Amino acid sequence: MMGYGGFGGMFMWFIWLLIGGAIIYWIFSRINNANNKDDPAPQNYLDILKNRYASGEINKEEFDRLKKELED
């Protein structure tokens, strides 16, 4: 009379454990993502220019030209 040879109840517990684990995983991943967003962003144009120059996005001449334009 238990259905599925007595495994129906265990299967239901397993489903609930999976759902609970997924919820706990989702909560902790949201908390972790919120903590990673605390990285400071560049504060001003000079920091942005320095980052672009350091990454090779612009060359020295373009860096100097943009820096001079923004300072004026």
PDB file of N, CA and C in Angstrom:
ATOM      1  N   MET A   1       0.796  -1.196   0.000  1.00  0.00           N
ATOM      2  CA  MET A   1       0.000   0.000   0.000  1.00  0.00           C
ATOM      3  C   MET A   1       0.843   1.266   0.000  1.00  0.00           C
ATOM      4  N   MET A   2       2.160   1.169   0.183  1.00  0.00           N
ATOM      5  CA  MET A   2       2.979   2.359   0.254  1.00  0.00           C
ATOM      6  C   MET A   2       3.269   2.926  -1.126  1.00  0.00           C
ATOM      7  N   GLY A   3       3.124   2.145  -2.145  1.00  0.00           N
ATOM      8  CA  GLY A   3       3.372   2.624  -3.495  1.00  0.00           C
ATOM      9  C   GLY A   3       4.854   2.695  -3.782  1.00  0.00           C
ATOM     10  N   TYR A   4       5.250   2.338  -4.951  1.00  0.00           N
ATOM     11  CA  TYR A   4       6.639   2.357  -5.398  1.00  0.00           C
ATOM     12  C   TYR A   4       7.545   1.523  -4.495  1.00  0.00           C
ATOM     13  N   GLY A   5       7.034   0.543  -3.858  1.00  0.00           N
ATOM     14  CA  GLY A   5       7.845  -0.344  -3.036  1.00  0.00           C
ATOM     15  C   GLY A   5       8.438   0.334  -1.806  1.00  0.00           C
ATOM     16  N   GLY A   6       7.833   1.362  -1.293  1.00  0.00           N
ATOM     17  CA  GLY A   6       8.338   2.035  -0.108  1.00  0.00           C
ATOM     18  C   GLY A   6       9.330   3.151  -0.405  1.00  0.00           C
ATOM     19  N   PHE A   7       9.662   3.331  -1.664  1.00  0.00           N
ATOM     20  CA  PHE A   7      10.634   4.367  -2.038  1.00  0.00           C
ATOM     21  C   PHE A   7       9.980   5.715  -2.359  1.00  0.00           C
ATOM     22  N   GLY A   8       8.672   5.758  -2.395  1.00  0.00           N
ATOM     23  CA  GLY A   8       7.975   7.009  -2.707  1.00  0.00           C
ATOM     24  C   GLY A   8       8.254   8.090  -1.685  1.00  0.00           C
ATOM     25  N   GLY A   9       8.250   7.729  -0.426  1.00  0.00           N
ATOM     26  CA  GLY A   9       8.509   8.702   0.636  1.00  0.00           C
ATOM     27  C   GLY A   9       9.942   9.187   0.615  1.00  0.00           C
ATOM     28  N   MET A  10      10.887   8.260   0.368  1.00  0.00           N
ATOM     29  CA  MET A  10      12.292   8.665   0.303  1.00  0.00           C
ATOM     30  C   MET A  10      12.540   9.566  -0.907  1.00  0.00           C
ATOM     31  N   PHE A  11      11.877   9.254  -1.990  1.00  0.00           N
ATOM     32  CA  PHE A  11      12.041  10.078  -3.188  1.00  0.00           C
ATOM     33  C   PHE A  11      11.533  11.495  -2.939  1.00  0.00           C
ATOM     34  N   MET A  12      10.425  11.618  -2.231  1.00  0.00           N
ATOM     35  CA  MET A  12       9.874  12.939  -1.932  1.00  0.00           C
ATOM     36  C   MET A  12      10.827  13.726  -1.034  1.00  0.00           C
ATOM     37  N   TRP A  13      11.441  13.065  -0.050  1.00  0.00           N
ATOM     38  CA  TRP A  13      12.421  13.746   0.793  1.00  0.00           C
ATOM     39  C   TRP A  13      13.619  14.205  -0.019  1.00  0.00           C
ATOM     40  N   PHE A  14      14.035  13.381  -0.945  1.00  0.00           N
ATOM     41  CA  PHE A  14      15.160  13.733  -1.813  1.00  0.00           C
ATOM     42  C   PHE A  14      14.836  14.975  -2.647  1.00  0.00           C
ATOM     43  N   ILE A  15      13.638  15.047  -3.182  1.00  0.00           N
ATOM     44  CA  ILE A  15      13.203  16.219  -3.956  1.00  0.00           C
ATOM     45  C   ILE A  15      13.234  17.466  -3.077  1.00  0.00           C
ATOM     46  N   TRP A  16      12.729  17.370  -1.864  1.00  0.00           N
ATOM     47  CA  TRP A  16      12.713  18.526  -0.955  1.00  0.00           C
ATOM     48  C   TRP A  16      14.128  18.949  -0.570  1.00  0.00           C
ATOM     49  N   LEU A  17      15.025  17.999  -0.402  1.00  0.00           N
ATOM     50  CA  LEU A  17      16.415  18.333  -0.103  1.00  0.00           C
ATOM     51  C   LEU A  17      17.072  19.046  -1.289  1.00  0.00           C
ATOM     52  N   LEU A  18      16.784  18.602  -2.489  1.00  0.00           N
ATOM     53  CA  LEU A  18      17.324  19.278  -3.677  1.00  0.00           C
ATOM     54  C   LEU A  18      16.802  20.708  -3.787  1.00  0.00           C
ATOM     55  N   ILE A  19      15.523  20.885  -3.550  1.00  0.00           N
ATOM     56  CA  ILE A  19      14.936  22.228  -3.611  1.00  0.00           C
ATOM     57  C   ILE A  19      15.543  23.128  -2.538  1.00  0.00           C
ATOM     58  N   GLY A  20      15.673  22.608  -1.317  1.00  0.00           N
ATOM     59  CA  GLY A  20      16.271  23.384  -0.231  1.00  0.00           C
ATOM     60  C   GLY A  20      17.720  23.737  -0.524  1.00  0.00           C
ATOM     61  N   GLY A  21      18.475  22.774  -1.051  1.00  0.00           N
ATOM     62  CA  GLY A  21      19.875  23.034  -1.411  1.00  0.00           C
ATOM     63  C   GLY A  21      19.990  24.089  -2.490  1.00  0.00           C
ATOM     64  N   ALA A  22      19.093  24.041  -3.472  1.00  0.00           N
ATOM     65  CA  ALA A  22      19.122  25.037  -4.547  1.00  0.00           C
ATOM     66  C   ALA A  22      18.824  26.431  -4.003  1.00  0.00           C
ATOM     67  N   ILE A  23      17.888  26.524  -3.084  1.00  0.00           N
ATOM     68  CA  ILE A  23      17.556  27.828  -2.492  1.00  0.00           C
ATOM     69  C   ILE A  23      18.730  28.360  -1.684  1.00  0.00           C
ATOM     70  N   ILE A  24      19.354  27.500  -0.892  1.00  0.00           N
ATOM     71  CA  ILE A  24      20.509  27.933  -0.087  1.00  0.00           C
ATOM     72  C   ILE A  24      21.654  28.358  -1.000  1.00  0.00           C
ATOM     73  N   TYR A  25      21.914  27.592  -2.051  1.00  0.00           N
ATOM     74  CA  TYR A  25      22.965  27.948  -3.012  1.00  0.00           C
ATOM     75  C   TYR A  25      22.677  29.305  -3.653  1.00  0.00           C
ATOM     76  N   TRP A  26      21.429  29.552  -4.029  1.00  0.00           N
ATOM     77  CA  TRP A  26      21.040  30.815  -4.666  1.00  0.00           C
ATOM     78  C   TRP A  26      21.263  31.983  -3.703  1.00  0.00           C
ATOM     79  N   ILE A  27      20.898  31.810  -2.439  1.00  0.00           N
ATOM     80  CA  ILE A  27      21.064  32.883  -1.453  1.00  0.00           C
ATOM     81  C   ILE A  27      22.542  33.210  -1.269  1.00  0.00           C
ATOM     82  N   PHE A  28      23.379  32.182  -1.095  1.00  0.00           N
ATOM     83  CA  PHE A  28      24.805  32.436  -0.886  1.00  0.00           C
ATOM     84  C   PHE A  28      25.476  33.017  -2.130  1.00  0.00           C
ATOM     85  N   SER A  29      25.040  32.618  -3.308  1.00  0.00           N
ATOM     86  CA  SER A  29      25.631  33.196  -4.518  1.00  0.00           C
ATOM     87  C   SER A  29      25.241  34.663  -4.659  1.00  0.00           C
ATOM     88  N   ARG A  30      24.029  35.025  -4.277  1.00  0.00           N
ATOM     89  CA  ARG A  30      23.607  36.435  -4.313  1.00  0.00           C
ATOM     90  C   ARG A  30      24.420  37.267  -3.318  1.00  0.00           C
ATOM     91  N   ILE A  31      24.661  36.726  -2.135  1.00  0.00           N
ATOM     92  CA  ILE A  31      25.450  37.435  -1.131  1.00  0.00           C
ATOM     93  C   ILE A  31      26.873  37.624  -1.628  1.00  0.00           C
ATOM     94  N   ASN A  32      27.450  36.597  -2.222  1.00  0.00           N
ATOM     95  CA  ASN A  32      28.814  36.661  -2.739  1.00  0.00           C
ATOM     96  C   ASN A  32      28.919  37.680  -3.871  1.00  0.00           C
ATOM     97  N   ASN A  33      27.937  37.726  -4.759  1.00  0.00           N
ATOM     98  CA  ASN A  33      27.958  38.702  -5.851  1.00  0.00           C
ATOM     99  C   ASN A  33      27.839  40.124  -5.319  1.00  0.00           C
ATOM    100  N   ALA A  34      27.054  40.314  -4.283  1.00  0.00           N
ATOM    101  CA  ALA A  34      26.910  41.648  -3.703  1.00  0.00           C
ATOM    102  C   ALA A  34      28.227  42.104  -3.087  1.00  0.00           C
ATOM    103  N   ASN A  35      28.972  41.195  -2.490  1.00  0.00           N
ATOM    104  CA  ASN A  35      30.261  41.551  -1.887  1.00  0.00           C
ATOM    105  C   ASN A  35      31.303  41.870  -2.950  1.00  0.00           C
ATOM    106  N   ASN A  36      31.241  41.244  -4.103  1.00  0.00           N
ATOM    107  CA  ASN A  36      32.215  41.487  -5.165  1.00  0.00           C
ATOM    108  C   ASN A  36      32.002  42.818  -5.863  1.00  0.00           C
ATOM    109  N   LYS A  37      30.839  43.419  -5.715  1.00  0.00           N
ATOM    110  CA  LYS A  37      30.558  44.693  -6.366  1.00  0.00           C
ATOM    111  C   LYS A  37      31.143  45.872  -5.603  1.00  0.00           C
ATOM    112  N   ASP A  38      31.824  45.621  -4.504  1.00  0.00           N
ATOM    113  CA  ASP A  38      32.405  46.687  -3.705  1.00  0.00           C
ATOM    114  C   ASP A  38      33.748  47.162  -4.249  1.00  0.00           C
ATOM    115  N   ASP A  39      34.198  46.592  -5.379  1.00  0.00           N
ATOM    116  CA  ASP A  39      35.475  47.013  -5.956  1.00  0.00           C
ATOM    117  C   ASP A  39      35.390  48.475  -6.370  1.00  0.00           C
ATOM    118  N   PRO A  40      36.380  49.271  -5.993  1.00  0.00           N
ATOM    119  CA  PRO A  40      36.306  50.693  -6.350  1.00  0.00           C
ATOM    120  C   PRO A  40      36.476  50.901  -7.856  1.00  0.00           C
ATOM    121  N   ALA A  41      35.634  51.736  -8.406  1.00  0.00           N
ATOM    122  CA  ALA A  41      35.711  52.085  -9.826  1.00  0.00           C
ATOM    123  C   ALA A  41      36.649  53.277  -9.972  1.00  0.00           C
ATOM    124  N   PRO A  42      37.188  53.506 -11.175  1.00  0.00           N
ATOM    125  CA  PRO A  42      38.025  54.695 -11.369  1.00  0.00           C
ATOM    126  C   PRO A  42      37.258  55.955 -10.975  1.00  0.00           C
ATOM    127  N   GLN A  43      37.954  56.840 -10.280  1.00  0.00           N
ATOM    128  CA  GLN A  43      37.291  58.013  -9.733  1.00  0.00           C
ATOM    129  C   GLN A  43      37.211  59.172 -10.719  1.00  0.00           C
ATOM    130  N   ASN A  44      38.198  59.311 -11.567  1.00  0.00           N
ATOM    131  CA  ASN A  44      38.195  60.479 -12.434  1.00  0.00           C
ATOM    132  C   ASN A  44      38.734  60.121 -13.807  1.00  0.00           C
ATOM    133  N   TYR A  45      38.775  61.105 -14.675  1.00  0.00           N
ATOM    134  CA  TYR A  45      39.192  60.876 -16.053  1.00  0.00           C
ATOM    135  C   TYR A  45      40.641  60.416 -16.144  1.00  0.00           C
ATOM    136  N   LEU A  46      41.510  60.897 -15.258  1.00  0.00           N
ATOM    137  CA  LEU A  46      42.918  60.532 -15.327  1.00  0.00           C
ATOM    138  C   LEU A  46      43.113  59.039 -15.011  1.00  0.00           C
ATOM    139  N   ASP A  47      42.363  58.528 -14.045  1.00  0.00           N
ATOM    140  CA  ASP A  47      42.433  57.096 -13.748  1.00  0.00           C
ATOM    141  C   ASP A  47      41.968  56.269 -14.944  1.00  0.00           C
ATOM    142  N   ILE A  48      40.910  56.710 -15.598  1.00  0.00           N
ATOM    143  CA  ILE A  48      40.401  56.002 -16.771  1.00  0.00           C
ATOM    144  C   ILE A  48      41.431  56.027 -17.886  1.00  0.00           C
ATOM    145  N   LEU A  49      42.034  57.180 -18.119  1.00  0.00           N
ATOM    146  CA  LEU A  49      43.071  57.281 -19.149  1.00  0.00           C
ATOM    147  C   LEU A  49      44.261  56.378 -18.831  1.00  0.00           C
ATOM    148  N   LYS A  50      44.682  56.365 -17.577  1.00  0.00           N
ATOM    149  CA  LYS A  50      45.803  55.517 -17.179  1.00  0.00           C
ATOM    150  C   LYS A  50      45.482  54.042 -17.412  1.00  0.00           C
ATOM    151  N   ASN A  51      44.269  53.636 -17.087  1.00  0.00           N
ATOM    152  CA  ASN A  51      43.871  52.251 -17.309  1.00  0.00           C
ATOM    153  C   ASN A  51      43.847  51.904 -18.791  1.00  0.00           C
ATOM    154  N   ARG A  52      43.349  52.814 -19.616  1.00  0.00           N
ATOM    155  CA  ARG A  52      43.320  52.564 -21.067  1.00  0.00           C
ATOM    156  C   ARG A  52      44.727  52.491 -21.632  1.00  0.00           C
ATOM    157  N   TYR A  53      45.625  53.340 -21.147  1.00  0.00           N
ATOM    158  CA  TYR A  53      47.019  53.324 -21.603  1.00  0.00           C
ATOM    159  C   TYR A  53      47.718  52.042 -21.143  1.00  0.00           C
ATOM    160  N   ALA A  54      47.477  51.646 -19.906  1.00  0.00           N
ATOM    161  CA  ALA A  54      48.104  50.439 -19.364  1.00  0.00           C
ATOM    162  C   ALA A  54      47.629  49.180 -20.089  1.00  0.00           C
ATOM    163  N   SER A  55      46.379  49.172 -20.534  1.00  0.00           N
ATOM    164  CA  SER A  55      45.863  47.991 -21.224  1.00  0.00           C
ATOM    165  C   SER A  55      46.240  47.973 -22.703  1.00  0.00           C
ATOM    166  N   GLY A  56      46.879  49.064 -23.183  1.00  0.00           N
ATOM    167  CA  GLY A  56      47.289  49.122 -24.580  1.00  0.00           C
ATOM    168  C   GLY A  56      46.199  49.602 -25.514  1.00  0.00           C
ATOM    169  N   GLU A  57      45.121  50.096 -24.951  1.00  0.00           N
ATOM    170  CA  GLU A  57      44.005  50.575 -25.763  1.00  0.00           C
ATOM    171  C   GLU A  57      44.367  51.865 -26.499  1.00  0.00           C
ATOM    172  N   ILE A  58      45.197  52.699 -25.874  1.00  0.00           N
ATOM    173  CA  ILE A  58      45.674  53.938 -26.509  1.00  0.00           C
ATOM    174  C   ILE A  58      47.195  53.994 -26.372  1.00  0.00           C
ATOM    175  N   ASN A  59      47.821  54.755 -27.253  1.00  0.00           N
ATOM    176  CA  ASN A  59      49.284  54.883 -27.179  1.00  0.00           C
ATOM    177  C   ASN A  59      49.660  56.143 -26.408  1.00  0.00           C
ATOM    178  N   LYS A  60      50.965  56.378 -26.246  1.00  0.00           N
ATOM    179  CA  LYS A  60      51.472  57.486 -25.423  1.00  0.00           C
ATOM    180  C   LYS A  60      51.026  58.840 -25.979  1.00  0.00           C
ATOM    181  N   GLU A  61      51.096  58.996 -27.294  1.00  0.00           N
ATOM    182  CA  GLU A  61      50.712  60.278 -27.892  1.00  0.00           C
ATOM    183  C   GLU A  61      49.233  60.573 -27.662  1.00  0.00           C
ATOM    184  N   GLU A  62      48.409  59.549 -27.846  1.00  0.00           N
ATOM    185  CA  GLU A  62      46.980  59.744 -27.633  1.00  0.00           C
ATOM    186  C   GLU A  62      46.685  60.004 -26.148  1.00  0.00           C
ATOM    187  N   PHE A  63      47.401  59.330 -25.261  1.00  0.00           N
ATOM    188  CA  PHE A  63      47.247  59.566 -23.824  1.00  0.00           C
ATOM    189  C   PHE A  63      47.557  61.018 -23.483  1.00  0.00           C
ATOM    190  N   ASP A  64      48.697  61.515 -23.984  1.00  0.00           N
ATOM    191  CA  ASP A  64      49.092  62.900 -23.701  1.00  0.00           C
ATOM    192  C   ASP A  64      48.096  63.897 -24.281  1.00  0.00           C
ATOM    193  N   ARG A  65      47.619  63.622 -25.502  1.00  0.00           N
ATOM    194  CA  ARG A  65      46.667  64.520 -26.151  1.00  0.00           C
ATOM    195  C   ARG A  65      45.357  64.574 -25.365  1.00  0.00           C
ATOM    196  N   LEU A  66      44.831  63.416 -24.996  1.00  0.00           N
ATOM    197  CA  LEU A  66      43.571  63.386 -24.254  1.00  0.00           C
ATOM    198  C   LEU A  66      43.719  64.015 -22.871  1.00  0.00           C
ATOM    199  N   LYS A  67      44.841  63.777 -22.231  1.00  0.00           N
ATOM    200  CA  LYS A  67      45.091  64.354 -20.913  1.00  0.00           C
ATOM    201  C   LYS A  67      45.106  65.887 -21.009  1.00  0.00           C
ATOM    202  N   LYS A  68      45.794  66.401 -22.032  1.00  0.00           N
ATOM    203  CA  LYS A  68      45.876  67.853 -22.205  1.00  0.00           C
ATOM    204  C   LYS A  68      44.496  68.452 -22.511  1.00  0.00           C
ATOM    205  N   GLU A  69      43.732  67.781 -23.364  1.00  0.00           N
ATOM    206  CA  GLU A  69      42.394  68.269 -23.700  1.00  0.00           C
ATOM    207  C   GLU A  69      41.493  68.304 -22.471  1.00  0.00           C
ATOM    208  N   LEU A  70      41.578  67.288 -21.646  1.00  0.00           N
ATOM    209  CA  LEU A  70      40.699  67.234 -20.492  1.00  0.00           C
ATOM    210  C   LEU A  70      41.120  68.174 -19.369  1.00  0.00           C
ATOM    211  N   GLU A  71      42.396  68.510 -19.318  1.00  0.00           N
ATOM    212  CA  GLU A  71      42.862  69.445 -18.297  1.00  0.00           C
ATOM    213  C   GLU A  71      42.503  70.889 -18.636  1.00  0.00           C
ATOM    214  N   ASP A  72      42.334  71.182 -19.899  1.00  0.00           N
ATOM    215  CA  ASP A  72      42.011  72.570 -20.316  1.00  0.00           C
ATOM    216  C   ASP A  72      40.574  72.917 -20.081  1.00  0.00           C
TER     217      ASP A  72
END
